[in-house]
C-alpha atoms as a PDB file:
ATOM      1  CA  MET A   1      37.748  -8.576   0.345  1.00  0.00           C
ATOM      2  CA  ILE A   2      34.535  -7.434  -1.378  1.00  0.00           C
ATOM      3  CA  HIS A   3      31.576  -9.780  -1.366  1.00  0.00           C
ATOM      4  CA  ARG A   4      29.843 -10.681  -4.649  1.00  0.00           C
ATOM      5  CA  ARG A   5      26.553  -9.056  -3.613  1.00  0.00           C
ATOM      6  CA  ASP A   6      28.375  -5.811  -2.729  1.00  0.00           C
ATOM      7  CA  PHE A   7      30.203  -5.845  -6.069  1.00  0.00           C
ATOM      8  CA  LEU A   8      26.936  -6.300  -7.988  1.00  0.00           C
ATOM      9  CA  LYS A   9      25.365  -3.445  -6.049  1.00  0.00           C
ATOM     10  CA  PHE A  10      28.346  -1.191  -6.788  1.00  0.00           C
ATOM     11  CA  ALA A  11      28.299  -2.100 -10.497  1.00  0.00           C
ATOM     12  CA  ALA A  12      24.568  -1.429 -10.792  1.00  0.00           C
ATOM     13  CA  THR A  13      24.922   1.925  -9.055  1.00  0.00           C
ATOM     14  CA  LEU A  14      27.844   2.926 -11.281  1.00  0.00           C
ATOM     15  CA  ALA A  15      25.857   2.040 -14.393  1.00  0.00           C
ATOM     16  CA  ALA A  16      22.930   4.169 -13.220  1.00  0.00           C
ATOM     17  CA  VAL A  17      25.221   7.132 -12.534  1.00  0.00           C
ATOM     18  CA  PHE A  18      26.443   7.072 -16.126  1.00  0.00           C
ATOM     19  CA  GLY A  19      22.899   6.728 -17.462  1.00  0.00           C
ATOM     20  CA  LEU A  20      23.416   3.210 -18.783  1.00  0.00           C
ATOM     21  CA  ASP A  21      21.166   1.312 -16.378  1.00  0.00           C
ATOM     22  CA  ALA A  22      22.153  -2.054 -17.852  1.00  0.00           C
ATOM     23  CA  LEU A  23      20.812  -1.282 -21.314  1.00  0.00           C
ATOM     24  CA  PRO A  24      21.222  -4.351 -23.560  1.00  0.00           C
ATOM     25  CA  GLU A  25      23.430  -3.779 -26.594  1.00  0.00           C
ATOM     26  CA  PRO A  26      20.615  -4.323 -29.158  1.00  0.00           C
ATOM     27  CA  VAL A  27      18.509  -1.745 -27.337  1.00  0.00           C
ATOM     28  CA  LEU A  28      21.359   0.787 -27.249  1.00  0.00           C
ATOM     29  CA  ALA A  29      21.806   0.363 -30.992  1.00  0.00           C
ATOM     30  CA  ALA A  30      18.074   0.722 -31.593  1.00  0.00           C
ATOM     31  CA  LEU A  31      17.834   3.930 -29.583  1.00  0.00           C
ATOM     32  CA  LYS A  32      20.372   5.584 -31.859  1.00  0.00           C
ATOM     33  CA  LYS A  33      18.318   4.725 -34.952  1.00  0.00           C
ATOM     34  CA  ILE A  34      14.908   5.872 -33.762  1.00  0.00           C
ATOM     35  CA  ASP A  35      13.238   8.464 -35.950  1.00  0.00           C
ATOM     36  CA  PRO A  36      11.151  10.748 -33.694  1.00  0.00           C
ATOM     37  CA  GLU A  37       8.696  11.262 -36.562  1.00  0.00           C
ATOM     38  CA  ALA A  38       8.072   7.551 -37.013  1.00  0.00           C
ATOM     39  CA  VAL A  39       7.747   6.218 -33.485  1.00  0.00           C
ATOM     40  CA  PRO A  40       4.763   3.958 -32.763  1.00  0.00           C
ATOM     41  CA  LYS A  41       1.463   4.904 -31.219  1.00  0.00           C
ATOM     42  CA  LEU A  42       0.766   3.169 -27.917  1.00  0.00           C
ATOM     43  CA  ILE A  43      -2.712   2.547 -26.491  1.00  0.00           C
ATOM     44  CA  TYR A  44      -2.406   1.589 -22.807  1.00  0.00           C
ATOM     45  CA  LEU A  45      -5.523   0.043 -21.243  1.00  0.00           C
ATOM     46  CA  GLN A  46      -6.052  -1.101 -17.664  1.00  0.00           C
ATOM     47  CA  GLY A  47      -8.255  -3.931 -16.431  1.00  0.00           C
ATOM     48  CA  LEU A  48      -8.435  -5.458 -12.948  1.00  0.00           C
ATOM     49  CA  SER A  49      -5.292  -3.983 -11.403  1.00  0.00           C
ATOM     50  CA  CYS A  50      -3.918  -1.769  -8.663  1.00  0.00           C
ATOM     51  CA  THR A  51      -2.049   0.494 -11.141  1.00  0.00           C
ATOM     52  CA  GLY A  52       1.195  -0.645  -9.507  1.00  0.00           C
ATOM     53  CA  CYS A  53       2.794  -1.501 -12.833  1.00  0.00           C
ATOM     54  CA  SER A  54       2.092   1.977 -14.206  1.00  0.00           C
ATOM     55  CA  ILE A  55       3.683   3.486 -11.106  1.00  0.00           C
ATOM     56  CA  SER A  56       6.701   1.229 -11.577  1.00  0.00           C
ATOM     57  CA  LEU A  57       7.064   2.266 -15.225  1.00  0.00           C
ATOM     58  CA  LEU A  58       7.353   5.863 -14.085  1.00  0.00           C
ATOM     59  CA  GLN A  59      10.431   4.902 -12.054  1.00  0.00           C
ATOM     60  CA  ALA A  60      12.500   4.213 -15.173  1.00  0.00           C
ATOM     61  CA  VAL A  61      15.968   5.798 -15.089  1.00  0.00           C
ATOM     62  CA  ALA A  62      17.524   5.654 -18.549  1.00  0.00           C
ATOM     63  CA  PRO A  63      15.682   6.403 -20.732  1.00  0.00           C
ATOM     64  CA  SER A  64      13.377   8.477 -18.539  1.00  0.00           C
ATOM     65  CA  PRO A  65       9.604   7.896 -18.626  1.00  0.00           C
ATOM     66  CA  LEU A  66       9.086  11.248 -20.379  1.00  0.00           C
ATOM     67  CA  THR A  67      11.564  10.305 -23.084  1.00  0.00           C
ATOM     68  CA  MET A  68       9.953   6.892 -23.511  1.00  0.00           C
ATOM     69  CA  ILE A  69       6.416   8.212 -24.015  1.00  0.00           C
ATOM     70  CA  THR A  70       7.326  11.169 -26.218  1.00  0.00           C
ATOM     71  CA  LYS A  71      10.479  10.347 -28.164  1.00  0.00           C
ATOM     72  CA  TYR A  72      10.654   6.550 -28.354  1.00  0.00           C
ATOM     73  CA  SER A  73       6.893   6.024 -28.495  1.00  0.00           C
ATOM     74  CA  GLN A  74       3.776   8.154 -28.652  1.00  0.00           C
ATOM     75  CA  LEU A  75       1.509   7.374 -25.741  1.00  0.00           C
ATOM     76  CA  VAL A  76      -1.919   8.052 -27.188  1.00  0.00           C
ATOM     77  CA  PHE A  77      -3.920   7.002 -24.159  1.00  0.00           C
ATOM     78  CA  HIS A  78      -3.299   6.025 -20.548  1.00  0.00           C
ATOM     79  CA  ALA A  79      -6.026   6.447 -17.944  1.00  0.00           C
ATOM     80  CA  ASP A  80      -3.619   7.939 -15.388  1.00  0.00           C
ATOM     81  CA  LEU A  81      -1.404  10.020 -17.671  1.00  0.00           C
ATOM     82  CA  SER A  82      -3.621  11.297 -20.485  1.00  0.00           C
ATOM     83  CA  ALA A  83      -4.598  14.948 -20.439  1.00  0.00           C
ATOM     84  CA  ILE A  84      -8.052  14.187 -21.845  1.00  0.00           C
ATOM     85  CA  SER A  85     -10.757  12.143 -20.142  1.00  0.00           C
ATOM     86  CA  GLY A  86     -14.410  11.221 -20.416  1.00  0.00           C
ATOM     87  CA  ALA A  87     -16.100  11.112 -23.827  1.00  0.00           C
ATOM     88  CA  LYS A  88     -13.124  12.632 -25.664  1.00  0.00           C
ATOM     89  CA  ALA A  89     -10.784   9.962 -24.335  1.00  0.00           C
ATOM     90  CA  LEU A  90     -13.196   7.174 -25.274  1.00  0.00           C
ATOM     91  CA  ASP A  91     -13.630   8.611 -28.776  1.00  0.00           C
ATOM     92  CA  LEU A  92      -9.863   8.675 -29.219  1.00  0.00           C
ATOM     93  CA  VAL A  93      -9.498   5.049 -28.090  1.00  0.00           C
ATOM     94  CA  ASP A  94     -12.369   3.986 -30.355  1.00  0.00           C
ATOM     95  CA  LYS A  95     -10.770   5.623 -33.390  1.00  0.00           C
ATOM     96  CA  TYR A  96      -7.601   3.618 -32.957  1.00  0.00           C
ATOM     97  CA  LEU A  97      -9.219   0.328 -31.994  1.00  0.00           C
ATOM     98  CA  SER A  98     -11.628   0.563 -34.940  1.00  0.00           C
ATOM     99  CA  GLY A  99      -8.698   1.042 -37.321  1.00  0.00           C
ATOM    100  CA  GLN A 100      -9.527   4.629 -38.285  1.00  0.00           C
ATOM    101  CA  ALA A 101      -6.432   6.306 -36.841  1.00  0.00           C
ATOM    102  CA  GLY A 102      -3.526   4.218 -38.103  1.00  0.00           C
ATOM    103  CA  GLU A 103      -1.208   1.592 -36.683  1.00  0.00           C
ATOM    104  CA  TYR A 104      -0.696   1.156 -32.961  1.00  0.00           C
ATOM    105  CA  PHE A 105       0.508  -1.279 -30.340  1.00  0.00           C
ATOM    106  CA  LEU A 106      -1.667  -2.286 -27.429  1.00  0.00           C
ATOM    107  CA  ALA A 107      -0.364  -2.402 -23.864  1.00  0.00           C
ATOM    108  CA  VAL A 108      -2.603  -4.030 -21.259  1.00  0.00           C
ATOM    109  CA  GLU A 109      -2.190  -3.817 -17.501  1.00  0.00           C
ATOM    110  CA  GLY A 110      -4.507  -5.823 -15.295  1.00  0.00           C
ATOM    111  CA  ALA A 111      -6.559  -8.979 -15.663  1.00  0.00           C
ATOM    112  CA  ILE A 112      -9.778  -9.534 -17.612  1.00  0.00           C
ATOM    113  CA  PRO A 113     -12.862 -10.591 -15.579  1.00  0.00           C
ATOM    114  CA  GLU A 114     -13.973 -13.408 -17.892  1.00  0.00           C
ATOM    115  CA  ALA A 115     -16.740 -14.688 -15.594  1.00  0.00           C
ATOM    116  CA  MET A 116     -17.969 -11.248 -14.525  1.00  0.00           C
ATOM    117  CA  PRO A 117     -17.645  -8.709 -17.381  1.00  0.00           C
ATOM    118  CA  GLU A 118     -19.446  -6.052 -15.335  1.00  0.00           C
ATOM    119  CA  ALA A 119     -16.530  -6.022 -12.889  1.00  0.00           C
ATOM    120  CA  CYS A 120     -14.484  -3.862 -15.264  1.00  0.00           C
ATOM    121  CA  TYR A 121     -15.879  -1.223 -17.607  1.00  0.00           C
ATOM    122  CA  LEU A 122     -14.275   1.455 -19.743  1.00  0.00           C
ATOM    123  CA  GLY A 123     -16.950   4.061 -20.275  1.00  0.00           C
ATOM    124  CA  ASP A 124     -20.201   2.215 -20.870  1.00  0.00           C
ATOM    125  CA  LYS A 125     -18.661  -0.949 -22.339  1.00  0.00           C
ATOM    126  CA  PRO A 126     -16.981  -3.986 -20.737  1.00  0.00           C
ATOM    127  CA  PHE A 127     -13.199  -4.050 -20.819  1.00  0.00           C
ATOM    128  CA  ALA A 128     -13.421  -7.227 -22.916  1.00  0.00           C
ATOM    129  CA  HIS A 129     -15.178  -5.310 -25.691  1.00  0.00           C
ATOM    130  CA  TYR A 130     -12.147  -3.106 -26.274  1.00  0.00           C
ATOM    131  CA  LEU A 131      -9.757  -6.050 -26.245  1.00  0.00           C
ATOM    132  CA  GLU A 132     -11.836  -7.839 -28.877  1.00  0.00           C
ATOM    133  CA  GLN A 133     -11.739  -4.737 -31.054  1.00  0.00           C
ATOM    134  CA  ALA A 134      -7.994  -4.358 -30.632  1.00  0.00           C
ATOM    135  CA  ALA A 135      -7.363  -7.961 -31.672  1.00  0.00           C
ATOM    136  CA  LYS A 136      -8.515  -7.057 -35.181  1.00  0.00           C
ATOM    137  CA  THR A 137      -6.535  -3.834 -35.664  1.00  0.00           C
ATOM    138  CA  MET A 138      -3.452  -3.744 -33.409  1.00  0.00           C
ATOM    139  CA  SER A 139       0.072  -4.453 -34.635  1.00  0.00           C
ATOM    140  CA  GLY A 140       0.757  -6.472 -31.496  1.00  0.00           C
ATOM    141  CA  ALA A 141       0.231  -6.410 -27.759  1.00  0.00           C
ATOM    142  CA  ILE A 142       2.271  -6.384 -24.582  1.00  0.00           C
ATOM    143  CA  ALA A 143       0.744  -7.778 -21.409  1.00  0.00           C
ATOM    144  CA  VAL A 144       2.257  -5.657 -18.637  1.00  0.00           C
ATOM    145  CA  GLY A 145       2.608  -7.336 -15.250  1.00  0.00           C
ATOM    146  CA  ALA A 146       1.422 -10.508 -13.555  1.00  0.00           C
ATOM    147  CA  CYS A 147      -2.290  -9.667 -13.779  1.00  0.00           C
ATOM    148  CA  ALA A 148      -2.282  -8.991 -17.523  1.00  0.00           C
ATOM    149  CA  CYS A 149      -0.127 -12.055 -18.217  1.00  0.00           C
ATOM    150  CA  ASP A 150      -1.700 -14.753 -16.052  1.00  0.00           C
ATOM    151  CA  GLY A 151      -4.468 -13.179 -13.977  1.00  0.00           C
ATOM    152  CA  GLY A 152      -2.250 -12.352 -10.994  1.00  0.00           C
ATOM    153  CA  ILE A 153      -3.862 -11.499  -7.672  1.00  0.00           C
ATOM    154  CA  PRO A 154      -7.336 -10.909  -9.226  1.00  0.00           C
ATOM    155  CA  ALA A 155      -7.205 -14.548 -10.372  1.00  0.00           C
ATOM    156  CA  ALA A 156      -6.373 -15.900  -6.920  1.00  0.00           C
ATOM    157  CA  GLU A 157      -8.246 -19.019  -5.875  1.00  0.00           C
ATOM    158  CA  GLY A 158     -11.794 -18.187  -4.808  1.00  0.00           C
ATOM    159  CA  ASN A 159     -12.141 -14.928  -6.759  1.00  0.00           C
ATOM    160  CA  PRO A 160     -15.592 -14.887  -8.425  1.00  0.00           C
ATOM    161  CA  THR A 161     -14.546 -12.708 -11.381  1.00  0.00           C
ATOM    162  CA  GLY A 162     -12.838 -15.563 -13.233  1.00  0.00           C
ATOM    163  CA  ALA A 163      -9.937 -13.226 -13.963  1.00  0.00           C
ATOM    164  CA  ILE A 164      -7.543 -14.336 -16.710  1.00  0.00           C
ATOM    165  CA  GLY A 165      -4.573 -12.910 -18.606  1.00  0.00           C
ATOM    166  CA  LEU A 166      -4.640 -11.334 -22.063  1.00  0.00           C
ATOM    167  CA  LYS A 167      -3.218 -14.299 -23.963  1.00  0.00           C
ATOM    168  CA  GLU A 168      -5.702 -16.726 -22.406  1.00  0.00           C
ATOM    169  CA  PHE A 169      -8.536 -14.278 -23.109  1.00  0.00           C
ATOM    170  CA  TYR A 170      -7.643 -14.171 -26.792  1.00  0.00           C
ATOM    171  CA  ARG A 171      -7.255 -17.938 -26.912  1.00  0.00           C
ATOM    172  CA  LYS A 172     -10.715 -18.471 -25.439  1.00  0.00           C
ATOM    173  CA  ARG A 173     -12.208 -16.046 -27.972  1.00  0.00           C
ATOM    174  CA  ASN A 174     -10.256 -17.630 -30.866  1.00  0.00           C
ATOM    175  CA  LEU A 175      -8.480 -14.315 -31.449  1.00  0.00           C
ATOM    176  CA  THR A 176      -4.931 -15.639 -31.574  1.00  0.00           C
ATOM    177  CA  GLY A 177      -3.636 -14.165 -34.815  1.00  0.00           C
ATOM    178  CA  LYS A 178      -1.564 -11.329 -33.321  1.00  0.00           C
ATOM    179  CA  LEU A 179       1.626 -11.383 -31.300  1.00  0.00           C
ATOM    180  CA  VAL A 180       1.148 -11.075 -27.525  1.00  0.00           C
ATOM    181  CA  ILE A 181       4.271 -10.696 -25.398  1.00  0.00           C
ATOM    182  CA  ASN A 182       4.065 -11.426 -21.684  1.00  0.00           C
ATOM    183  CA  VAL A 183       6.167  -9.224 -19.401  1.00  0.00           C
ATOM    184  CA  ARG A 184       5.537 -10.649 -15.948  1.00  0.00           C
ATOM    185  CA  GLY A 185       6.158  -9.111 -12.531  1.00  0.00           C
ATOM    186  CA  CYS A 186       4.186  -7.629  -9.629  1.00  0.00           C
ATOM    187  CA  SER A 187       4.907  -4.885 -10.089  1.00  0.00           C
ATOM    188  CA  VAL A 188       6.763  -5.143 -13.388  1.00  0.00           C
ATOM    189  CA  HIS A 189      10.320  -3.833 -13.752  1.00  0.00           C
ATOM    190  CA  PRO A 190      10.304  -0.710 -15.980  1.00  0.00           C
ATOM    191  CA  ASP A 191      13.270  -1.947 -18.033  1.00  0.00           C
ATOM    192  CA  TRP A 192      11.441  -5.136 -18.975  1.00  0.00           C
ATOM    193  CA  VAL A 193       8.581  -3.197 -20.541  1.00  0.00           C
ATOM    194  CA  TRP A 194      10.318  -0.209 -22.112  1.00  0.00           C
ATOM    195  CA  TYR A 195      13.155  -2.225 -23.643  1.00  0.00           C
ATOM    196  CA  THR A 196      10.663  -4.751 -25.001  1.00  0.00           C
ATOM    197  CA  ILE A 197       8.716  -1.952 -26.695  1.00  0.00           C
ATOM    198  CA  ILE A 198      11.884  -0.545 -28.273  1.00  0.00           C
ATOM    199  CA  ASN A 199      12.959  -4.003 -29.414  1.00  0.00           C
ATOM    200  CA  LEU A 200       9.528  -4.848 -30.805  1.00  0.00           C
ATOM    201  CA  VAL A 201       9.178  -1.682 -32.819  1.00  0.00           C
ATOM    202  CA  LYS A 202      12.688  -0.969 -34.034  1.00  0.00           C
ATOM    203  CA  ILE A 203      14.236  -4.439 -34.243  1.00  0.00           C
ATOM    204  CA  GLY A 204      11.320  -6.842 -34.406  1.00  0.00           C
ATOM    205  CA  ALA A 205       9.739  -9.417 -32.156  1.00  0.00           C
ATOM    206  CA  PRO A 206      12.219 -10.381 -29.427  1.00  0.00           C
ATOM    207  CA  GLU A 207      13.147 -13.994 -28.880  1.00  0.00           C
ATOM    208  CA  LEU A 208      10.609 -15.434 -26.469  1.00  0.00           C
ATOM    209  CA  VAL A 209      10.620 -18.167 -23.861  1.00  0.00           C
ATOM    210  CA  ASN A 210       7.246 -19.087 -22.334  1.00  0.00           C
ATOM    211  CA  ASP A 211       5.817 -16.136 -24.296  1.00  0.00           C
ATOM    212  CA  ALA A 212       8.160 -13.737 -22.446  1.00  0.00           C
ATOM    213  CA  PRO A 213      11.331 -11.952 -23.681  1.00  0.00           C
ATOM    214  CA  LYS A 214      14.246 -14.351 -23.325  1.00  0.00           C
ATOM    215  CA  LEU A 215      16.565 -11.429 -22.639  1.00  0.00           C
ATOM    216  CA  PHE A 216      15.001 -10.959 -19.190  1.00  0.00           C
ATOM    217  CA  PHE A 217      13.385 -14.281 -18.337  1.00  0.00           C
ATOM    218  CA  SER A 218      15.776 -17.016 -19.464  1.00  0.00           C
ATOM    219  CA  ARG A 219      17.451 -17.815 -16.131  1.00  0.00           C
ATOM    220  CA  LYS A 220      16.123 -18.597 -12.695  1.00  0.00           C
ATOM    221  CA  VAL A 221      16.639 -16.033  -9.959  1.00  0.00           C
ATOM    222  CA  HIS A 222      18.291 -18.800  -7.930  1.00  0.00           C
ATOM    223  CA  GLU A 223      21.044 -19.348 -10.518  1.00  0.00           C
ATOM    224  CA  SER A 224      22.393 -15.788 -10.245  1.00  0.00           C
ATOM    225  CA  CYS A 225      21.538 -15.159  -6.611  1.00  0.00           C
ATOM    226  CA  PRO A 226      24.466 -13.800  -4.550  1.00  0.00           C
ATOM    227  CA  ARG A 227      23.418 -16.250  -1.803  1.00  0.00           C
ATOM    228  CA  TYR A 228      23.668 -19.285  -4.046  1.00  0.00           C
ATOM    229  CA  HIS A 229      26.885 -20.272  -2.279  1.00  0.00           C
ATOM    230  CA  ASP A 230      25.009 -20.240   1.042  1.00  0.00           C
ATOM    231  CA  PHE A 231      22.447 -22.602  -0.494  1.00  0.00           C
ATOM    232  CA  GLN A 232      25.171 -24.982  -1.621  1.00  0.00           C
ATOM    233  CA  GLU A 233      26.780 -24.908   1.815  1.00  0.00           C
ATOM    234  CA  GLU A 234      23.371 -25.295   3.494  1.00  0.00           C
ATOM    235  CA  ILE A 235      23.696 -22.009   5.346  1.00  0.00           C
ATOM    236  CA  PHE A 236      20.033 -21.066   5.762  1.00  0.00           C
ATOM    237  CA  ALA A 237      18.528 -17.990   7.380  1.00  0.00           C
ATOM    238  CA  LYS A 238      16.491 -18.883  10.466  1.00  0.00           C
ATOM    239  CA  LYS A 239      14.298 -15.782  10.417  1.00  0.00           C
ATOM    240  CA  LEU A 240      13.557 -12.850   8.167  1.00  0.00           C
ATOM    241  CA  GLY A 241      16.478 -10.423   8.216  1.00  0.00           C
ATOM    242  CA  ASP A 242      19.134 -13.098   8.788  1.00  0.00           C
ATOM    243  CA  ARG A 243      22.060 -13.593   6.463  1.00  0.00           C
ATOM    244  CA  GLY A 244      22.186 -16.873   4.612  1.00  0.00           C
ATOM    245  CA  CYS A 245      20.036 -18.535   1.946  1.00  0.00           C
ATOM    246  CA  LEU A 246      16.334 -17.663   2.307  1.00  0.00           C
ATOM    247  CA  PHE A 247      15.005 -20.823   0.671  1.00  0.00           C
ATOM    248  CA  LYS A 248      13.560 -22.251   3.900  1.00  0.00           C
ATOM    249  CA  LEU A 249      11.787 -18.978   4.602  1.00  0.00           C
ATOM    250  CA  GLY A 250       9.818 -19.292   1.377  1.00  0.00           C
ATOM    251  CA  CYS A 251      12.144 -17.903  -1.309  1.00  0.00           C
ATOM    252  CA  GLN A 252      10.740 -18.730  -4.760  1.00  0.00           C
ATOM    253  CA  GLY A 253      13.998 -18.005  -6.589  1.00  0.00           C
ATOM    254  CA  PRO A 254      14.544 -21.664  -7.596  1.00  0.00           C
ATOM    255  CA  ASP A 255      11.230 -21.654  -9.505  1.00  0.00           C
ATOM    256  CA  THR A 256      11.150 -18.095 -10.887  1.00  0.00           C
ATOM    257  CA  TYR A 257      12.695 -16.888 -14.133  1.00  0.00           C
ATOM    258  CA  ALA A 258      13.853 -13.236 -14.002  1.00  0.00           C
ATOM    259  CA  ASP A 259      17.100 -11.237 -14.131  1.00  0.00           C
ATOM    260  CA  CYS A 260      16.520  -9.389 -10.830  1.00  0.00           C
ATOM    261  CA  PRO A 261      19.922 -10.494  -9.378  1.00  0.00           C
ATOM    262  CA  THR A 262      21.798  -8.679 -12.138  1.00  0.00           C
ATOM    263  CA  ARG A 263      19.342  -5.906 -13.091  1.00  0.00           C
ATOM    264  CA  TRP A 264      18.292  -4.865  -9.582  1.00  0.00           C
ATOM    265  CA  TRP A 265      15.420  -2.436  -8.875  1.00  0.00           C
ATOM    266  CA  ASN A 266      14.879   1.216  -7.950  1.00  0.00           C
ATOM    267  CA  GLY A 267      17.433   2.525 -10.392  1.00  0.00           C
ATOM    268  CA  GLY A 268      19.917  -0.228  -9.564  1.00  0.00           C
ATOM    269  CA  ARG A 269      19.918   0.529  -5.840  1.00  0.00           C
ATOM    270  CA  THR A 270      18.479  -2.666  -4.378  1.00  0.00           C
ATOM    271  CA  TRP A 271      16.338  -5.742  -4.889  1.00  0.00           C
ATOM    272  CA  CYS A 272      14.440  -8.234  -2.715  1.00  0.00           C
ATOM    273  CA  ILE A 273      17.319 -10.498  -1.644  1.00  0.00           C
ATOM    274  CA  ASP A 274      19.624  -7.520  -1.020  1.00  0.00           C
ATOM    275  CA  SER A 275      16.949  -6.237   1.372  1.00  0.00           C
ATOM    276  CA  ASN A 276      16.966  -9.587   3.215  1.00  0.00           C
ATOM    277  CA  ALA A 277      13.537 -10.534   1.847  1.00  0.00           C
ATOM    278  CA  PRO A 278      12.816 -13.782  -0.018  1.00  0.00           C
ATOM    279  CA  CYS A 279      11.867 -13.726  -3.687  1.00  0.00           C
ATOM    280  CA  ILE A 280       8.065 -14.096  -3.746  1.00  0.00           C
ATOM    281  CA  GLY A 281       8.023 -15.318  -7.350  1.00  0.00           C
ATOM    282  CA  CYS A 282       6.142 -12.335  -8.774  1.00  0.00           C
ATOM    283  CA  ALA A 283       7.445 -13.125 -12.286  1.00  0.00           C
ATOM    284  CA  SER A 284       6.120 -16.679 -12.132  1.00  0.00           C
ATOM    285  CA  PRO A 285       2.916 -17.654 -14.016  1.00  0.00           C
ATOM    286  CA  SER A 286       1.607 -19.230 -10.803  1.00  0.00           C
ATOM    287  CA  PHE A 287       2.163 -16.114  -8.673  1.00  0.00           C
ATOM    288  CA  ALA A 288      -0.561 -15.605  -6.030  1.00  0.00           C
ATOM    289  CA  ARG A 289      -2.862 -18.234  -7.512  1.00  0.00           C
ATOM    290  CA  ARG A 290      -3.266 -20.490  -4.458  1.00  0.00           C
ATOM    291  CA  LYS A 291      -4.830 -19.018  -1.334  1.00  0.00           C
ATOM    292  CA  ASP A 292      -3.053 -21.541   0.912  1.00  0.00           C
ATOM    293  CA  PHE A 293       0.420 -20.660  -0.398  1.00  0.00           C
ATOM    294  CA  PRO A 294       2.266 -18.188   1.884  1.00  0.00           C
ATOM    295  CA  PHE A 295       4.648 -15.624   0.438  1.00  0.00           C
ATOM    296  CA  TYR A 296       6.889 -16.035   3.478  1.00  0.00           C
ATOM    297  CA  ARG A 297       7.418 -18.957   5.826  1.00  0.00           C
ATOM    298  CA  ILE A 298       8.433 -18.812   9.482  1.00  0.00           C
ATOM    299  CA  GLY A 299      10.230 -21.590  11.333  1.00  0.00           C
ATOM    300  CA  GLU A 300      10.695 -23.867   8.312  1.00  0.00           C
ATOM    301  CA  VAL A 301      14.415 -24.028   8.966  1.00  0.00           C
ATOM    302  CA  ASN A 302      13.845 -25.994  12.174  1.00  0.00           C
ATOM    303  CA  LYS A 303      11.499 -28.573  10.644  1.00  0.00           C
END
């Protein structure tokens, strides 16, 4: 008898081997229609962040990161990946954000220090300056990761920077005329971002729920969790590493919307629950906001 969690792991691995990596049907169809000469320009800016989301994006399997930034999009600027730097890089960004270099989409990783602009500069100007410029010229924006969407860890209780997400930043500045798609996660899953970009450019704006793509964030982690049966039968893990439902050890699956149970991570090899770790709710808007909220709990099962 094969357990459900083992079957899901096998299916995810098999998909990765054949290069499918759980590509949604609309995305597969879009990939076949992409004209390499007409792919969109992408300006990728980073605010208050650890660069973890960028690292995660480079772990994409199918399509590969190289294919994504050369064939299915044209990555004009990324602080970690661009060949140019310094004044030349800033001039290039300015040309696009001022509307002199044609259409582009904006991707933002990291939070915006609303109460302390000097906490994040790009060249000799505050990060906020570039975002205000982009609001007037971009075709749309994707907030990449928890920090760019809702402030994330930089916005944790007690942080003096007043960090906020991109959508809230634009709302406060009355710059709400352009589409902003939130792709949450800490770090973000590469599929969530790349497939959203393909969908946005070649199909149109994806259906959203809570400003996030419904395709990935319509169901709670708890609903598809392979340990859901343990929850129903009240079989709870007593310590980290135990089999059984991890709810009483702090699992945030019942309150977090994401398709991690079916998409998996690391090329379909594993994910948090499969590694006997509770879901920490990194795709939740409230992730890491309260300083008194522990990611894991110990001994709750006996209380």
